[in-house]
Amino acid sequence: MGIVGIMIFAVMSAILASQLKVLKGNFDTYIIIAACLVILFYILTKLTAIVDVITRLQSYISIDWAYMEILLKIVGISYITQFSSDMCKECGYGAIGNQIQIFGKLAVMTISMPIVLALIDTITYMLA
């Protein structure tokens, strides 16, 4: 299933959910969550290609693999945070969704600290 297939699946899920909302109140949320999970798992299957490209890039330029690992963690945290937040908001719990977003931002900031410290060390070395 390519990009067009995913988009068609998403639109059809939204149409089905809107029709079920009229007939049965709570089933629309279940359809949307199921559709989002299917799309999320499809995205996860494509991550191996992304990791392969990052590994190849890392071999071309001499960057420590730890930095690439941090980059992958940041991308993963961003996807999971956005997905979880959107699901909470879809279910009507926007406050929880907002807290998930704040937690995700703090987690990204925490994980990125070694990169920030390396950048500060590089700047200090260049100025000295």
N, C-alpha and C. Protein backbone atom coordinates (compact mmCIF):
# COMPACT_ATOMS: atom_id res chain seq x y z
N MET A 1 0.85 -1.17 0.00
CA MET A 1 0.00 0.00 0.00
C MET A 1 0.90 1.23 0.00
N GLY A 2 0.73 2.07 -1.00
CA GLY A 2 1.54 3.25 -1.11
C GLY A 2 0.86 4.46 -0.50
N ILE A 3 1.36 5.62 -0.86
CA ILE A 3 0.84 6.86 -0.31
C ILE A 3 -0.63 7.05 -0.70
N VAL A 4 -0.94 6.78 -1.95
CA VAL A 4 -2.32 6.94 -2.40
C VAL A 4 -3.24 5.97 -1.67
N GLY A 5 -2.78 4.75 -1.48
CA GLY A 5 -3.58 3.76 -0.75
C GLY A 5 -3.85 4.18 0.68
N ILE A 6 -2.83 4.71 1.34
CA ILE A 6 -3.01 5.18 2.72
C ILE A 6 -3.99 6.35 2.76
N MET A 7 -3.88 7.26 1.81
CA MET A 7 -4.78 8.41 1.79
C MET A 7 -6.23 7.97 1.53
N ILE A 8 -6.42 7.04 0.61
CA ILE A 8 -7.76 6.52 0.35
C ILE A 8 -8.30 5.81 1.59
N PHE A 9 -7.45 5.01 2.23
CA PHE A 9 -7.86 4.32 3.46
C PHE A 9 -8.26 5.32 4.54
N ALA A 10 -7.50 6.40 4.69
CA ALA A 10 -7.79 7.40 5.71
C ALA A 10 -9.11 8.12 5.41
N VAL A 11 -9.33 8.50 4.16
CA VAL A 11 -10.57 9.19 3.81
C VAL A 11 -11.76 8.26 3.97
N MET A 12 -11.63 7.02 3.55
CA MET A 12 -12.73 6.06 3.70
C MET A 12 -13.03 5.81 5.19
N SER A 13 -12.00 5.76 6.01
CA SER A 13 -12.22 5.59 7.44
C SER A 13 -12.95 6.78 8.04
N ALA A 14 -12.58 7.97 7.60
CA ALA A 14 -13.26 9.18 8.09
C ALA A 14 -14.72 9.20 7.66
N ILE A 15 -14.98 8.80 6.42
CA ILE A 15 -16.37 8.76 5.95
C ILE A 15 -17.16 7.72 6.73
N LEU A 16 -16.58 6.54 6.93
CA LEU A 16 -17.25 5.50 7.69
C LEU A 16 -17.52 5.96 9.12
N ALA A 17 -16.54 6.62 9.72
CA ALA A 17 -16.71 7.10 11.10
C ALA A 17 -17.80 8.15 11.19
N SER A 18 -17.85 9.05 10.20
CA SER A 18 -18.89 10.08 10.25
C SER A 18 -20.28 9.47 10.05
N GLN A 19 -20.39 8.42 9.26
CA GLN A 19 -21.67 7.75 9.08
C GLN A 19 -22.08 6.99 10.35
N LEU A 20 -21.09 6.36 11.00
CA LEU A 20 -21.39 5.63 12.24
C LEU A 20 -21.71 6.57 13.40
N LYS A 21 -21.18 7.77 13.34
CA LYS A 21 -21.45 8.73 14.41
C LYS A 21 -22.94 9.07 14.46
N VAL A 22 -23.56 9.10 13.30
CA VAL A 22 -24.99 9.38 13.23
C VAL A 22 -25.79 8.20 13.78
N LEU A 23 -25.36 6.98 13.43
CA LEU A 23 -26.11 5.79 13.84
C LEU A 23 -25.82 5.38 15.28
N LYS A 24 -24.55 5.25 15.60
CA LYS A 24 -24.12 4.83 16.94
C LYS A 24 -23.05 5.81 17.39
N GLY A 25 -23.26 6.47 18.49
CA GLY A 25 -22.42 7.56 18.95
C GLY A 25 -20.96 7.26 19.17
N ASN A 26 -20.63 6.13 19.80
CA ASN A 26 -19.25 5.89 20.20
C ASN A 26 -18.42 5.13 19.18
N PHE A 27 -19.04 4.52 18.21
CA PHE A 27 -18.30 3.68 17.28
C PHE A 27 -17.40 4.47 16.34
N ASP A 28 -17.70 5.73 16.14
CA ASP A 28 -16.84 6.54 15.27
C ASP A 28 -15.44 6.67 15.85
N THR A 29 -15.34 6.81 17.16
CA THR A 29 -14.03 6.92 17.80
C THR A 29 -13.23 5.64 17.62
N TYR A 30 -13.89 4.51 17.73
CA TYR A 30 -13.20 3.22 17.55
C TYR A 30 -12.69 3.05 16.13
N ILE A 31 -13.48 3.48 15.17
CA ILE A 31 -13.05 3.39 13.76
C ILE A 31 -11.84 4.28 13.52
N ILE A 32 -11.87 5.49 14.05
CA ILE A 32 -10.75 6.41 13.85
C ILE A 32 -9.49 5.88 14.52
N ILE A 33 -9.62 5.37 15.74
CA ILE A 33 -8.45 4.82 16.43
C ILE A 33 -7.88 3.63 15.68
N ALA A 34 -8.74 2.75 15.19
CA ALA A 34 -8.28 1.59 14.43
C ALA A 34 -7.58 2.02 13.15
N ALA A 35 -8.14 3.00 12.45
CA ALA A 35 -7.52 3.49 11.22
C ALA A 35 -6.15 4.12 11.51
N CYS A 36 -6.07 4.88 12.58
CA CYS A 36 -4.79 5.49 12.95
C CYS A 36 -3.75 4.44 13.32
N LEU A 37 -4.17 3.39 14.00
CA LEU A 37 -3.23 2.31 14.34
C LEU A 37 -2.74 1.60 13.09
N VAL A 38 -3.62 1.36 12.13
CA VAL A 38 -3.20 0.73 10.88
C VAL A 38 -2.17 1.60 10.17
N ILE A 39 -2.43 2.89 10.10
CA ILE A 39 -1.49 3.81 9.44
C ILE A 39 -0.17 3.87 10.21
N LEU A 40 -0.24 3.88 11.55
CA LEU A 40 0.97 3.91 12.36
C LEU A 40 1.82 2.67 12.12
N PHE A 41 1.20 1.50 12.09
CA PHE A 41 1.96 0.27 11.84
C PHE A 41 2.53 0.24 10.44
N TYR A 42 1.84 0.84 9.48
CA TYR A 42 2.40 0.94 8.13
C TYR A 42 3.64 1.83 8.15
N ILE A 43 3.56 2.93 8.88
CA ILE A 43 4.72 3.82 8.99
C ILE A 43 5.90 3.09 9.64
N LEU A 44 5.61 2.30 10.67
CA LEU A 44 6.68 1.56 11.35
C LEU A 44 7.38 0.58 10.43
N THR A 45 6.66 0.01 9.46
CA THR A 45 7.30 -0.90 8.52
C THR A 45 8.27 -0.17 7.60
N LYS A 46 8.05 1.12 7.40
CA LYS A 46 8.92 1.91 6.54
C LYS A 46 10.14 2.45 7.28
N LEU A 47 10.18 2.31 8.59
CA LEU A 47 11.31 2.84 9.36
C LEU A 47 12.63 2.14 9.04
N THR A 48 12.57 0.89 8.64
CA THR A 48 13.82 0.19 8.31
C THR A 48 14.52 0.86 7.15
N ALA A 49 13.77 1.34 6.17
CA ALA A 49 14.38 2.05 5.04
C ALA A 49 15.02 3.34 5.51
N ILE A 50 14.37 4.04 6.43
CA ILE A 50 14.93 5.28 6.96
C ILE A 50 16.22 5.01 7.73
N VAL A 51 16.21 3.96 8.54
CA VAL A 51 17.42 3.60 9.30
C VAL A 51 18.54 3.22 8.34
N ASP A 52 18.24 2.52 7.27
CA ASP A 52 19.27 2.16 6.29
C ASP A 52 19.89 3.40 5.64
N VAL A 53 19.06 4.37 5.31
CA VAL A 53 19.57 5.61 4.70
C VAL A 53 20.43 6.37 5.70
N ILE A 54 19.99 6.45 6.94
CA ILE A 54 20.78 7.14 7.96
C ILE A 54 22.11 6.43 8.19
N THR A 55 22.09 5.10 8.17
CA THR A 55 23.34 4.35 8.33
C THR A 55 24.28 4.61 7.16
N ARG A 56 23.73 4.68 5.95
CA ARG A 56 24.56 4.97 4.79
C ARG A 56 25.12 6.40 4.85
N LEU A 57 24.30 7.35 5.28
CA LEU A 57 24.78 8.72 5.45
C LEU A 57 25.89 8.80 6.48
N GLN A 58 25.73 8.04 7.54
CA GLN A 58 26.72 8.03 8.60
C GLN A 58 28.04 7.48 8.10
N SER A 59 28.01 6.56 7.15
CA SER A 59 29.25 6.02 6.62
C SER A 59 29.94 7.02 5.68
N TYR A 60 29.18 7.90 5.03
CA TYR A 60 29.76 8.90 4.14
C TYR A 60 30.41 10.04 4.91
N ILE A 61 29.79 10.46 5.96
CA ILE A 61 30.36 11.53 6.78
C ILE A 61 30.66 10.93 8.15
N SER A 62 31.74 11.34 8.71
CA SER A 62 32.17 10.73 9.97
C SER A 62 31.47 11.40 11.15
N ILE A 63 30.27 10.92 11.42
CA ILE A 63 29.52 11.37 12.57
C ILE A 63 29.38 10.19 13.51
N ASP A 64 29.57 10.46 14.77
CA ASP A 64 29.44 9.40 15.77
C ASP A 64 28.04 8.80 15.72
N TRP A 65 27.96 7.46 15.75
CA TRP A 65 26.67 6.77 15.67
C TRP A 65 25.76 7.16 16.83
N ALA A 66 26.32 7.58 17.95
CA ALA A 66 25.49 7.99 19.09
C ALA A 66 24.61 9.17 18.72
N TYR A 67 25.12 10.08 17.88
CA TYR A 67 24.31 11.22 17.46
C TYR A 67 23.17 10.78 16.53
N MET A 68 23.45 9.82 15.68
CA MET A 68 22.40 9.30 14.80
C MET A 68 21.33 8.57 15.63
N GLU A 69 21.78 7.86 16.64
CA GLU A 69 20.84 7.17 17.52
C GLU A 69 19.94 8.17 18.25
N ILE A 70 20.52 9.26 18.69
CA ILE A 70 19.73 10.31 19.34
C ILE A 70 18.72 10.89 18.35
N LEU A 71 19.14 11.11 17.12
CA LEU A 71 18.24 11.64 16.10
C LEU A 71 17.07 10.69 15.87
N LEU A 72 17.33 9.40 15.78
CA LEU A 72 16.25 8.43 15.60
C LEU A 72 15.30 8.39 16.80
N LYS A 73 15.86 8.51 18.00
CA LYS A 73 15.02 8.54 19.19
C LYS A 73 14.12 9.77 19.20
N ILE A 74 14.66 10.90 18.79
CA ILE A 74 13.88 12.13 18.75
C ILE A 74 12.73 12.00 17.75
N VAL A 75 13.01 11.44 16.59
CA VAL A 75 11.96 11.24 15.59
C VAL A 75 10.89 10.29 16.13
N GLY A 76 11.33 9.20 16.77
CA GLY A 76 10.38 8.25 17.35
C GLY A 76 9.51 8.86 18.43
N ILE A 77 10.13 9.62 19.31
CA ILE A 77 9.37 10.29 20.38
C ILE A 77 8.37 11.26 19.77
N SER A 78 8.77 11.98 18.74
CA SER A 78 7.87 12.94 18.10
C SER A 78 6.66 12.25 17.50
N TYR A 79 6.88 11.15 16.78
CA TYR A 79 5.76 10.42 16.17
C TYR A 79 4.82 9.86 17.23
N ILE A 80 5.38 9.20 18.23
CA ILE A 80 4.55 8.58 19.26
C ILE A 80 3.79 9.62 20.06
N THR A 81 4.46 10.73 20.37
CA THR A 81 3.81 11.80 21.11
C THR A 81 2.65 12.39 20.32
N GLN A 82 2.89 12.68 19.06
CA GLN A 82 1.83 13.26 18.23
C GLN A 82 0.66 12.29 18.09
N PHE A 83 0.97 11.03 17.86
CA PHE A 83 -0.08 10.02 17.71
C PHE A 83 -0.91 9.90 18.99
N SER A 84 -0.25 9.78 20.13
CA SER A 84 -0.96 9.64 21.40
C SER A 84 -1.79 10.88 21.72
N SER A 85 -1.21 12.03 21.48
CA SER A 85 -1.93 13.28 21.75
C SER A 85 -3.17 13.40 20.87
N ASP A 86 -3.02 13.09 19.59
CA ASP A 86 -4.17 13.17 18.69
C ASP A 86 -5.26 12.18 19.07
N MET A 87 -4.87 10.99 19.54
CA MET A 87 -5.87 10.00 19.94
C MET A 87 -6.64 10.48 21.17
N CYS A 88 -5.94 11.06 22.12
CA CYS A 88 -6.62 11.60 23.31
C CYS A 88 -7.56 12.73 22.93
N LYS A 89 -7.12 13.60 22.04
CA LYS A 89 -7.97 14.71 21.62
C LYS A 89 -9.17 14.20 20.83
N GLU A 90 -8.99 13.16 20.03
CA GLU A 90 -10.09 12.58 19.26
C GLU A 90 -11.15 11.99 20.19
N CYS A 91 -10.70 11.44 21.31
CA CYS A 91 -11.64 10.86 22.27
C CYS A 91 -12.27 11.92 23.17
N GLY A 92 -11.87 13.16 23.01
CA GLY A 92 -12.46 14.24 23.79
C GLY A 92 -11.68 14.61 25.03
N TYR A 93 -10.47 14.11 25.14
CA TYR A 93 -9.63 14.41 26.31
C TYR A 93 -8.46 15.29 25.89
N GLY A 94 -8.78 16.51 25.53
CA GLY A 94 -7.76 17.44 25.05
C GLY A 94 -6.72 17.80 26.08
N ALA A 95 -7.11 17.87 27.35
CA ALA A 95 -6.16 18.23 28.40
C ALA A 95 -5.07 17.15 28.52
N ILE A 96 -5.46 15.91 28.43
CA ILE A 96 -4.47 14.82 28.48
C ILE A 96 -3.57 14.88 27.24
N GLY A 97 -4.18 15.16 26.08
CA GLY A 97 -3.39 15.29 24.86
C GLY A 97 -2.37 16.39 24.95
N ASN A 98 -2.74 17.51 25.54
CA ASN A 98 -1.79 18.62 25.72
C ASN A 98 -0.67 18.24 26.67
N GLN A 99 -0.98 17.51 27.72
CA GLN A 99 0.06 17.07 28.66
C GLN A 99 1.02 16.09 27.99
N ILE A 100 0.50 15.24 27.13
CA ILE A 100 1.36 14.32 26.38
C ILE A 100 2.32 15.11 25.49
N GLN A 101 1.82 16.16 24.85
CA GLN A 101 2.69 16.99 24.02
C GLN A 101 3.79 17.67 24.84
N ILE A 102 3.45 18.16 26.01
CA ILE A 102 4.46 18.78 26.88
C ILE A 102 5.49 17.75 27.29
N PHE A 103 5.03 16.56 27.68
CA PHE A 103 5.96 15.49 28.06
C PHE A 103 6.88 15.14 26.89
N GLY A 104 6.33 15.06 25.69
CA GLY A 104 7.15 14.75 24.51
C GLY A 104 8.22 15.79 24.26
N LYS A 105 7.84 17.06 24.41
CA LYS A 105 8.82 18.13 24.21
C LYS A 105 9.94 18.06 25.24
N LEU A 106 9.57 17.78 26.48
CA LEU A 106 10.60 17.65 27.52
C LEU A 106 11.48 16.43 27.29
N ALA A 107 10.88 15.35 26.82
CA ALA A 107 11.67 14.14 26.53
C ALA A 107 12.66 14.40 25.39
N VAL A 108 12.22 15.11 24.35
CA VAL A 108 13.13 15.45 23.25
C VAL A 108 14.25 16.35 23.74
N MET A 109 13.92 17.31 24.59
CA MET A 109 14.94 18.21 25.12
C MET A 109 15.96 17.43 25.96
N THR A 110 15.48 16.50 26.76
CA THR A 110 16.37 15.71 27.60
C THR A 110 17.29 14.84 26.75
N ILE A 111 16.74 14.19 25.76
CA ILE A 111 17.54 13.30 24.93
C ILE A 111 18.55 14.08 24.09
N SER A 112 18.22 15.30 23.70
CA SER A 112 19.11 16.07 22.84
C SER A 112 20.24 16.78 23.59
N MET A 113 20.28 16.69 24.90
CA MET A 113 21.31 17.38 25.68
C MET A 113 22.74 17.00 25.27
N PRO A 114 23.06 15.74 25.00
CA PRO A 114 24.44 15.44 24.56
C PRO A 114 24.84 16.18 23.28
N ILE A 115 23.90 16.38 22.38
CA ILE A 115 24.19 17.12 21.15
C ILE A 115 24.44 18.59 21.46
N VAL A 116 23.63 19.15 22.34
CA VAL A 116 23.80 20.56 22.74
C VAL A 116 25.16 20.74 23.42
N LEU A 117 25.51 19.81 24.30
CA LEU A 117 26.82 19.91 24.98
C LEU A 117 27.97 19.77 23.99
N ALA A 118 27.85 18.88 23.02
CA ALA A 118 28.90 18.73 22.00
C ALA A 118 29.02 20.00 21.17
N LEU A 119 27.89 20.62 20.87
CA LEU A 119 27.91 21.87 20.11
C LEU A 119 28.60 22.98 20.91
N ILE A 120 28.30 23.06 22.19
CA ILE A 120 28.94 24.08 23.04
C ILE A 120 30.43 23.81 23.15
N ASP A 121 30.83 22.55 23.27
CA ASP A 121 32.26 22.21 23.32
C ASP A 121 32.95 22.60 22.02
N THR A 122 32.31 22.37 20.90
CA THR A 122 32.89 22.73 19.60
C THR A 122 33.05 24.24 19.48
N ILE A 123 32.04 24.97 19.88
CA ILE A 123 32.10 26.43 19.82
C ILE A 123 33.21 26.96 20.74
N THR A 124 33.29 26.40 21.94
CA THR A 124 34.32 26.80 22.89
C THR A 124 35.72 26.50 22.33
N TYR A 125 35.87 25.35 21.70
CA TYR A 125 37.17 24.96 21.11
C TYR A 125 37.55 25.91 19.98
N MET A 126 36.56 26.30 19.16
CA MET A 126 36.86 27.19 18.03
C MET A 126 37.20 28.61 18.50
N LEU A 127 36.57 29.04 19.59
CA LEU A 127 36.85 30.39 20.10
C LEU A 127 38.15 30.47 20.88
N ALA A 128 38.64 29.33 21.35
CA ALA A 128 39.86 29.35 22.17
C ALA A 128 41.10 29.44 21.33
